Amino acid sequence: RALRLLQTTMEGSEVSEFEAIRLVATKLSISEESVRRWRRKAQVDAGDLPGTSSTEHLEIRKLKREIAELRRANEILKSASAFF
């Protein structure tokens, strides 16, 4: 909702992005930084700005968990092989 309101505020008048963010945050009683972060995240997800998209971030987290699990399994196998 905040991002749609921000977009219409920026399109409907000649206010700067900073001013539009301030207006939307005040109107919705939320912090300006929240609106700014949501906007940046939406721009990254859309490919308009460089950065890691939400989908890529989830994939990275999944792969890190998988690596940790494989390392634990590897340590168990190393310990078991020491007995033989």
PDB file of N, CA and C in Angstrom:
ATOM      1  N   ARG A   1       0.822  -1.189   0.000  1.00  0.00           N
ATOM      2  CA  ARG A   1       0.000   0.000   0.000  1.00  0.00           C
ATOM      3  C   ARG A   1       0.869   1.258   0.000  1.00  0.00           C
ATOM      4  N   ALA A   2       1.907   1.260   0.818  1.00  0.00           N
ATOM      5  CA  ALA A   2       2.778   2.429   0.908  1.00  0.00           C
ATOM      6  C   ALA A   2       3.475   2.696  -0.422  1.00  0.00           C
ATOM      7  N   LEU A   3       3.907   1.629  -1.086  1.00  0.00           N
ATOM      8  CA  LEU A   3       4.611   1.815  -2.358  1.00  0.00           C
ATOM      9  C   LEU A   3       3.675   2.323  -3.448  1.00  0.00           C
ATOM     10  N   ARG A   4       2.436   1.835  -3.450  1.00  0.00           N
ATOM     11  CA  ARG A   4       1.467   2.347  -4.430  1.00  0.00           C
ATOM     12  C   ARG A   4       1.172   3.817  -4.172  1.00  0.00           C
ATOM     13  N   LEU A   5       1.005   4.168  -2.909  1.00  0.00           N
ATOM     14  CA  LEU A   5       0.751   5.560  -2.553  1.00  0.00           C
ATOM     15  C   LEU A   5       1.950   6.434  -2.915  1.00  0.00           C
ATOM     16  N   LEU A   6       3.142   5.930  -2.697  1.00  0.00           N
ATOM     17  CA  LEU A   6       4.354   6.664  -3.055  1.00  0.00           C
ATOM     18  C   LEU A   6       4.417   6.892  -4.560  1.00  0.00           C
ATOM     19  N   GLN A   7       4.115   5.856  -5.318  1.00  0.00           N
ATOM     20  CA  GLN A   7       4.148   5.974  -6.780  1.00  0.00           C
ATOM     21  C   GLN A   7       3.141   7.006  -7.272  1.00  0.00           C
ATOM     22  N   THR A   8       1.925   6.960  -6.757  1.00  0.00           N
ATOM     23  CA  THR A   8       0.915   7.930  -7.199  1.00  0.00           C
ATOM     24  C   THR A   8       1.264   9.343  -6.748  1.00  0.00           C
ATOM     25  N   THR A   9       1.887   9.466  -5.590  1.00  0.00           N
ATOM     26  CA  THR A   9       2.311  10.789  -5.116  1.00  0.00           C
ATOM     27  C   THR A   9       3.386  11.360  -6.029  1.00  0.00           C
ATOM     28  N   MET A  10       4.326  10.515  -6.437  1.00  0.00           N
ATOM     29  CA  MET A  10       5.412  10.987  -7.296  1.00  0.00           C
ATOM     30  C   MET A  10       4.915  11.281  -8.707  1.00  0.00           C
ATOM     31  N   GLU A  11       3.960  10.493  -9.191  1.00  0.00           N
ATOM     32  CA  GLU A  11       3.430  10.717 -10.540  1.00  0.00           C
ATOM     33  C   GLU A  11       2.467  11.896 -10.578  1.00  0.00           C
ATOM     34  N   GLY A  12       1.700  12.059  -9.518  1.00  0.00           N
ATOM     35  CA  GLY A  12       0.654  13.071  -9.502  1.00  0.00           C
ATOM     36  C   GLY A  12       1.140  14.492  -9.319  1.00  0.00           C
ATOM     37  N   SER A  13       2.345  14.660  -8.848  1.00  0.00           N
ATOM     38  CA  SER A  13       2.866  16.014  -8.631  1.00  0.00           C
ATOM     39  C   SER A  13       4.361  16.031  -8.904  1.00  0.00           C
ATOM     40  N   GLU A  14       4.898  17.195  -8.866  1.00  0.00           N
ATOM     41  CA  GLU A  14       6.323  17.359  -9.185  1.00  0.00           C
ATOM     42  C   GLU A  14       7.169  17.408  -7.916  1.00  0.00           C
ATOM     43  N   VAL A  15       6.871  16.552  -6.956  1.00  0.00           N
ATOM     44  CA  VAL A  15       7.658  16.518  -5.728  1.00  0.00           C
ATOM     45  C   VAL A  15       8.828  15.558  -5.905  1.00  0.00           C
ATOM     46  N   SER A  16       9.880  15.798  -5.143  1.00  0.00           N
ATOM     47  CA  SER A  16      11.045  14.919  -5.204  1.00  0.00           C
ATOM     48  C   SER A  16      10.723  13.587  -4.528  1.00  0.00           C
ATOM     49  N   GLU A  17      11.553  12.611  -4.781  1.00  0.00           N
ATOM     50  CA  GLU A  17      11.362  11.304  -4.153  1.00  0.00           C
ATOM     51  C   GLU A  17      11.437  11.438  -2.636  1.00  0.00           C
ATOM     52  N   PHE A  18      12.382  12.234  -2.164  1.00  0.00           N
ATOM     53  CA  PHE A  18      12.538  12.453  -0.725  1.00  0.00           C
ATOM     54  C   PHE A  18      11.265  13.040  -0.124  1.00  0.00           C
ATOM     55  N   GLU A  19      10.728  14.046  -0.765  1.00  0.00           N
ATOM     56  CA  GLU A  19       9.512  14.698  -0.277  1.00  0.00           C
ATOM     57  C   GLU A  19       8.321  13.743  -0.339  1.00  0.00           C
ATOM     58  N   ALA A  20       8.218  12.966  -1.401  1.00  0.00           N
ATOM     59  CA  ALA A  20       7.121  12.004  -1.533  1.00  0.00           C
ATOM     60  C   ALA A  20       7.200  10.949  -0.431  1.00  0.00           C
ATOM     61  N   ILE A  21       8.401  10.481  -0.138  1.00  0.00           N
ATOM     62  CA  ILE A  21       8.589   9.501   0.936  1.00  0.00           C
ATOM     63  C   ILE A  21       8.153  10.101   2.268  1.00  0.00           C
ATOM     64  N   ARG A  22       8.538  11.336   2.512  1.00  0.00           N
ATOM     65  CA  ARG A  22       8.155  12.008   3.753  1.00  0.00           C
ATOM     66  C   ARG A  22       6.639  12.131   3.863  1.00  0.00           C
ATOM     67  N   LEU A  23       5.991  12.534   2.768  1.00  0.00           N
ATOM     68  CA  LEU A  23       4.535  12.697   2.767  1.00  0.00           C
ATOM     69  C   LEU A  23       3.812  11.373   3.025  1.00  0.00           C
ATOM     70  N   VAL A  24       4.248  10.325   2.349  1.00  0.00           N
ATOM     71  CA  VAL A  24       3.616   9.008   2.507  1.00  0.00           C
ATOM     72  C   VAL A  24       3.826   8.483   3.928  1.00  0.00           C
ATOM     73  N   ALA A  25       5.036   8.612   4.440  1.00  0.00           N
ATOM     74  CA  ALA A  25       5.322   8.137   5.798  1.00  0.00           C
ATOM     75  C   ALA A  25       4.463   8.867   6.823  1.00  0.00           C
ATOM     76  N   THR A  26       4.330  10.161   6.663  1.00  0.00           N
ATOM     77  CA  THR A  26       3.497  10.943   7.578  1.00  0.00           C
ATOM     78  C   THR A  26       2.037  10.524   7.471  1.00  0.00           C
ATOM     79  N   LYS A  27       1.571  10.364   6.260  1.00  0.00           N
ATOM     80  CA  LYS A  27       0.168   9.994   6.033  1.00  0.00           C
ATOM     81  C   LYS A  27      -0.171   8.635   6.636  1.00  0.00           C
ATOM     82  N   LEU A  28       0.759   7.688   6.546  1.00  0.00           N
ATOM     83  CA  LEU A  28       0.516   6.334   7.042  1.00  0.00           C
ATOM     84  C   LEU A  28       1.020   6.120   8.473  1.00  0.00           C
ATOM     85  N   SER A  29       1.598   7.157   9.067  1.00  0.00           N
ATOM     86  CA  SER A  29       2.140   7.089  10.434  1.00  0.00           C
ATOM     87  C   SER A  29       3.194   5.993  10.578  1.00  0.00           C
ATOM     88  N   ILE A  30       4.101   5.935   9.612  1.00  0.00           N
ATOM     89  CA  ILE A  30       5.226   5.003   9.668  1.00  0.00           C
ATOM     90  C   ILE A  30       6.505   5.798   9.445  1.00  0.00           C
ATOM     91  N   SER A  31       7.635   5.175   9.690  1.00  0.00           N
ATOM     92  CA  SER A  31       8.895   5.902   9.550  1.00  0.00           C
ATOM     93  C   SER A  31       9.272   6.083   8.079  1.00  0.00           C
ATOM     94  N   GLU A  32       9.953   7.171   7.818  1.00  0.00           N
ATOM     95  CA  GLU A  32      10.426   7.443   6.457  1.00  0.00           C
ATOM     96  C   GLU A  32      11.401   6.367   6.004  1.00  0.00           C
ATOM     97  N   GLU A  33      12.212   5.898   6.935  1.00  0.00           N
ATOM     98  CA  GLU A  33      13.212   4.885   6.587  1.00  0.00           C
ATOM     99  C   GLU A  33      12.551   3.589   6.124  1.00  0.00           C
ATOM    100  N   SER A  34      11.423   3.227   6.717  1.00  0.00           N
ATOM    101  CA  SER A  34      10.700   2.024   6.279  1.00  0.00           C
ATOM    102  C   SER A  34      10.251   2.172   4.834  1.00  0.00           C
ATOM    103  N   VAL A  35       9.670   3.306   4.509  1.00  0.00           N
ATOM    104  CA  VAL A  35       9.203   3.545   3.135  1.00  0.00           C
ATOM    105  C   VAL A  35      10.389   3.534   2.179  1.00  0.00           C
ATOM    106  N   ARG A  36      11.484   4.158   2.591  1.00  0.00           N
ATOM    107  CA  ARG A  36      12.681   4.222   1.747  1.00  0.00           C
ATOM    108  C   ARG A  36      13.226   2.819   1.476  1.00  0.00           C
ATOM    109  N   ARG A  37      13.294   1.997   2.540  1.00  0.00           N
ATOM    110  CA  ARG A  37      13.796   0.627   2.377  1.00  0.00           C
ATOM    111  C   ARG A  37      12.875  -0.205   1.498  1.00  0.00           C
ATOM    112  N   TRP A  38      11.566  -0.071   1.671  1.00  0.00           N
ATOM    113  CA  TRP A  38      10.617  -0.824   0.846  1.00  0.00           C
ATOM    114  C   TRP A  38      10.755  -0.426  -0.616  1.00  0.00           C
ATOM    115  N   ARG A  39      10.940   0.861  -0.853  1.00  0.00           N
ATOM    116  CA  ARG A  39      11.095   1.342  -2.233  1.00  0.00           C
ATOM    117  C   ARG A  39      12.369   0.770  -2.849  1.00  0.00           C
ATOM    118  N   ARG A  40      13.460   0.831  -2.101  1.00  0.00           N
ATOM    119  CA  ARG A  40      14.727   0.311  -2.620  1.00  0.00           C
ATOM    120  C   ARG A  40      14.619  -1.191  -2.901  1.00  0.00           C
ATOM    121  N   LYS A  41      13.989  -1.927  -1.993  1.00  0.00           N
ATOM    122  CA  LYS A  41      13.828  -3.371  -2.190  1.00  0.00           C
ATOM    123  C   LYS A  41      12.996  -3.653  -3.435  1.00  0.00           C
ATOM    124  N   ALA A  42      11.940  -2.894  -3.630  1.00  0.00           N
ATOM    125  CA  ALA A  42      11.094  -3.078  -4.818  1.00  0.00           C
ATOM    126  C   ALA A  42      11.874  -2.759  -6.088  1.00  0.00           C
ATOM    127  N   GLN A  43      12.730  -1.738  -6.037  1.00  0.00           N
ATOM    128  CA  GLN A  43      13.534  -1.377  -7.203  1.00  0.00           C
ATOM    129  C   GLN A  43      14.564  -2.459  -7.508  1.00  0.00           C
ATOM    130  N   VAL A  44      15.171  -3.030  -6.478  1.00  0.00           N
ATOM    131  CA  VAL A  44      16.144  -4.115  -6.678  1.00  0.00           C
ATOM    132  C   VAL A  44      15.437  -5.344  -7.240  1.00  0.00           C
ATOM    133  N   ASP A  45      14.274  -5.689  -6.668  1.00  0.00           N
ATOM    134  CA  ASP A  45      13.522  -6.854  -7.147  1.00  0.00           C
ATOM    135  C   ASP A  45      13.092  -6.689  -8.601  1.00  0.00           C
ATOM    136  N   ALA A  46      12.806  -5.449  -8.998  1.00  0.00           N
ATOM    137  CA  ALA A  46      12.383  -5.183 -10.376  1.00  0.00           C
ATOM    138  C   ALA A  46      13.574  -5.112 -11.332  1.00  0.00           C
ATOM    139  N   GLY A  47      14.796  -5.087 -10.786  1.00  0.00           N
ATOM    140  CA  GLY A  47      15.985  -4.998 -11.623  1.00  0.00           C
ATOM    141  C   GLY A  47      16.368  -3.577 -11.980  1.00  0.00           C
ATOM    142  N   ASP A  48      15.709  -2.600 -11.358  1.00  0.00           N
ATOM    143  CA  ASP A  48      16.018  -1.199 -11.639  1.00  0.00           C
ATOM    144  C   ASP A  48      17.289  -0.734 -10.940  1.00  0.00           C
ATOM    145  N   LEU A  49      17.636  -1.376  -9.832  1.00  0.00           N
ATOM    146  CA  LEU A  49      18.845  -1.044  -9.081  1.00  0.00           C
ATOM    147  C   LEU A  49      19.669  -2.309  -8.885  1.00  0.00           C
ATOM    148  N   PRO A  50      20.999  -2.166  -8.807  1.00  0.00           N
ATOM    149  CA  PRO A  50      21.825  -3.344  -8.553  1.00  0.00           C
ATOM    150  C   PRO A  50      21.637  -3.815  -7.113  1.00  0.00           C
ATOM    151  N   GLY A  51      21.802  -5.079  -6.899  1.00  0.00           N
ATOM    152  CA  GLY A  51      21.678  -5.633  -5.560  1.00  0.00           C
ATOM    153  C   GLY A  51      21.111  -7.036  -5.614  1.00  0.00           C
ATOM    154  N   THR A  52      20.997  -7.635  -4.456  1.00  0.00           N
ATOM    155  CA  THR A  52      20.472  -8.988  -4.351  1.00  0.00           C
ATOM    156  C   THR A  52      18.965  -8.923  -4.181  1.00  0.00           C
ATOM    157  N   SER A  53      18.240  -9.533  -5.098  1.00  0.00           N
ATOM    158  CA  SER A  53      16.777  -9.519  -5.023  1.00  0.00           C
ATOM    159  C   SER A  53      16.305 -10.428  -3.896  1.00  0.00           C
ATOM    160  N   SER A  54      15.051 -10.310  -3.549  1.00  0.00           N
ATOM    161  CA  SER A  54      14.473 -11.137  -2.478  1.00  0.00           C
ATOM    162  C   SER A  54      14.587 -12.617  -2.811  1.00  0.00           C
ATOM    163  N   THR A  55      14.335 -12.966  -4.055  1.00  0.00           N
ATOM    164  CA  THR A  55      14.420 -14.362  -4.485  1.00  0.00           C
ATOM    165  C   THR A  55      15.848 -14.875  -4.361  1.00  0.00           C
ATOM    166  N   GLU A  56      16.801 -14.069  -4.801  1.00  0.00           N
ATOM    167  CA  GLU A  56      18.209 -14.464  -4.700  1.00  0.00           C
ATOM    168  C   GLU A  56      18.633 -14.584  -3.238  1.00  0.00           C
ATOM    169  N   HIS A  57      18.147 -13.679  -2.406  1.00  0.00           N
ATOM    170  CA  HIS A  57      18.480 -13.715  -0.985  1.00  0.00           C
ATOM    171  C   HIS A  57      17.978 -15.010  -0.340  1.00  0.00           C
ATOM    172  N   LEU A  58      16.756 -15.415  -0.671  1.00  0.00           N
ATOM    173  CA  LEU A  58      16.214 -16.666  -0.138  1.00  0.00           C
ATOM    174  C   LEU A  58      17.021 -17.868  -0.615  1.00  0.00           C
ATOM    175  N   GLU A  59      17.427 -17.851  -1.880  1.00  0.00           N
ATOM    176  CA  GLU A  59      18.230 -18.946  -2.436  1.00  0.00           C
ATOM    177  C   GLU A  59      19.590 -19.016  -1.741  1.00  0.00           C
ATOM    178  N   ILE A  60      20.202 -17.879  -1.477  1.00  0.00           N
ATOM    179  CA  ILE A  60      21.493 -17.843  -0.786  1.00  0.00           C
ATOM    180  C   ILE A  60      21.355 -18.423   0.619  1.00  0.00           C
ATOM    181  N   ARG A  61      20.293 -18.023   1.341  1.00  0.00           N
ATOM    182  CA  ARG A  61      20.067 -18.557   2.689  1.00  0.00           C
ATOM    183  C   ARG A  61      19.891 -20.069   2.649  1.00  0.00           C
ATOM    184  N   LYS A  62      19.141 -20.558   1.675  1.00  0.00           N
ATOM    185  CA  LYS A  62      18.904 -21.999   1.533  1.00  0.00           C
ATOM    186  C   LYS A  62      20.223 -22.723   1.275  1.00  0.00           C
ATOM    187  N   LEU A  63      21.038 -22.182   0.383  1.00  0.00           N
ATOM    188  CA  LEU A  63      22.312 -22.819   0.051  1.00  0.00           C
ATOM    189  C   LEU A  63      23.280 -22.794   1.233  1.00  0.00           C
ATOM    190  N   LYS A  64      23.277 -21.725   2.013  1.00  0.00           N
ATOM    191  CA  LYS A  64      24.144 -21.658   3.196  1.00  0.00           C
ATOM    192  C   LYS A  64      23.747 -22.723   4.216  1.00  0.00           C
ATOM    193  N   ARG A  65      22.427 -22.912   4.391  1.00  0.00           N
ATOM    194  CA  ARG A  65      21.956 -23.957   5.300  1.00  0.00           C
ATOM    195  C   ARG A  65      22.388 -25.336   4.805  1.00  0.00           C
ATOM    196  N   GLU A  66      22.273 -25.537   3.497  1.00  0.00           N
ATOM    197  CA  GLU A  66      22.655 -26.820   2.907  1.00  0.00           C
ATOM    198  C   GLU A  66      24.151 -27.070   3.081  1.00  0.00           C
ATOM    199  N   ILE A  67      24.962 -26.045   2.888  1.00  0.00           N
ATOM    200  CA  ILE A  67      26.414 -26.178   3.074  1.00  0.00           C
ATOM    201  C   ILE A  67      26.730 -26.555   4.514  1.00  0.00           C
ATOM    202  N   ALA A  68      26.078 -25.885   5.470  1.00  0.00           N
ATOM    203  CA  ALA A  68      26.313 -26.190   6.882  1.00  0.00           C
ATOM    204  C   ALA A  68      25.938 -27.635   7.199  1.00  0.00           C
ATOM    205  N   GLU A  69      24.823 -28.092   6.653  1.00  0.00           N
ATOM    206  CA  GLU A  69      24.381 -29.469   6.875  1.00  0.00           C
ATOM    207  C   GLU A  69      25.379 -30.459   6.280  1.00  0.00           C
ATOM    208  N   LEU A  70      25.869 -30.175   5.088  1.00  0.00           N
ATOM    209  CA  LEU A  70      26.842 -31.061   4.445  1.00  0.00           C
ATOM    210  C   LEU A  70      28.165 -31.081   5.205  1.00  0.00           C
ATOM    211  N   ARG A  71      28.562 -29.946   5.749  1.00  0.00           N
ATOM    212  CA  ARG A  71      29.799 -29.910   6.546  1.00  0.00           C
ATOM    213  C   ARG A  71      29.655 -30.750   7.811  1.00  0.00           C
ATOM    214  N   ARG A  72      28.482 -30.656   8.456  1.00  0.00           N
ATOM    215  CA  ARG A  72      28.242 -31.485   9.650  1.00  0.00           C
ATOM    216  C   ARG A  72      28.296 -32.972   9.285  1.00  0.00           C
ATOM    217  N   ALA A  73      27.664 -33.331   8.185  1.00  0.00           N
ATOM    218  CA  ALA A  73      27.676 -34.726   7.745  1.00  0.00           C
ATOM    219  C   ALA A  73      29.097 -35.174   7.426  1.00  0.00           C
ATOM    220  N   ASN A  74      29.872 -34.304   6.818  1.00  0.00           N
ATOM    221  CA  ASN A  74      31.256 -34.618   6.477  1.00  0.00           C
ATOM    222  C   ASN A  74      32.081 -34.854   7.741  1.00  0.00           C
ATOM    223  N   GLU A  75      31.871 -34.036   8.766  1.00  0.00           N
ATOM    224  CA  GLU A  75      32.597 -34.211  10.025  1.00  0.00           C
ATOM    225  C   GLU A  75      32.228 -35.541  10.686  1.00  0.00           C
ATOM    226  N   ILE A  76      30.955 -35.896  10.626  1.00  0.00           N
ATOM    227  CA  ILE A  76      30.513 -37.178  11.191  1.00  0.00           C
ATOM    228  C   ILE A  76      31.179 -38.327  10.454  1.00  0.00           C
ATOM    229  N   LEU A  77      31.242 -38.240   9.137  1.00  0.00           N
ATOM    230  CA  LEU A  77      31.885 -39.299   8.349  1.00  0.00           C
ATOM    231  C   LEU A  77      33.383 -39.375   8.627  1.00  0.00           C
ATOM    232  N   LYS A  78      34.020 -38.227   8.822  1.00  0.00           N
ATOM    233  CA  LYS A  78      35.451 -38.232   9.160  1.00  0.00           C
ATOM    234  C   LYS A  78      35.678 -38.910  10.504  1.00  0.00           C
ATOM    235  N   SER A  79      34.824 -38.588  11.467  1.00  0.00           N
ATOM    236  CA  SER A  79      34.947 -39.204  12.795  1.00  0.00           C
ATOM    237  C   SER A  79      34.726 -40.710  12.716  1.00  0.00           C
ATOM    238  N   ALA A  80      33.739 -41.116  11.947  1.00  0.00           N
ATOM    239  CA  ALA A  80      33.438 -42.545  11.808  1.00  0.00           C
ATOM    240  C   ALA A  80      34.572 -43.279  11.107  1.00  0.00           C
ATOM    241  N   SER A  81      35.194 -42.652  10.128  1.00  0.00           N
ATOM    242  CA  SER A  81      36.273 -43.324   9.392  1.00  0.00           C
ATOM    243  C   SER A  81      37.520 -43.491  10.251  1.00  0.00           C
ATOM    244  N   ALA A  82      37.662 -42.698  11.298  1.00  0.00           N
ATOM    245  CA  ALA A  82      38.817 -42.826  12.184  1.00  0.00           C
ATOM    246  C   ALA A  82      38.772 -44.136  12.966  1.00  0.00           C
ATOM    247  N   PHE A  83      37.590 -44.701  13.151  1.00  0.00           N
ATOM    248  CA  PHE A  83      37.451 -45.954  13.889  1.00  0.00           C
ATOM    249  C   PHE A  83      37.791 -47.167  13.039  1.00  0.00           C
ATOM    250  N   PHE A  84      37.856 -47.000  11.725  1.00  0.00           N
ATOM    251  CA  PHE A  84      38.076 -48.153  10.842  1.00  0.00           C
ATOM    252  C   PHE A  84      39.428 -48.150  10.239  1.00  0.00           C
TER     253      PHE A  84
END
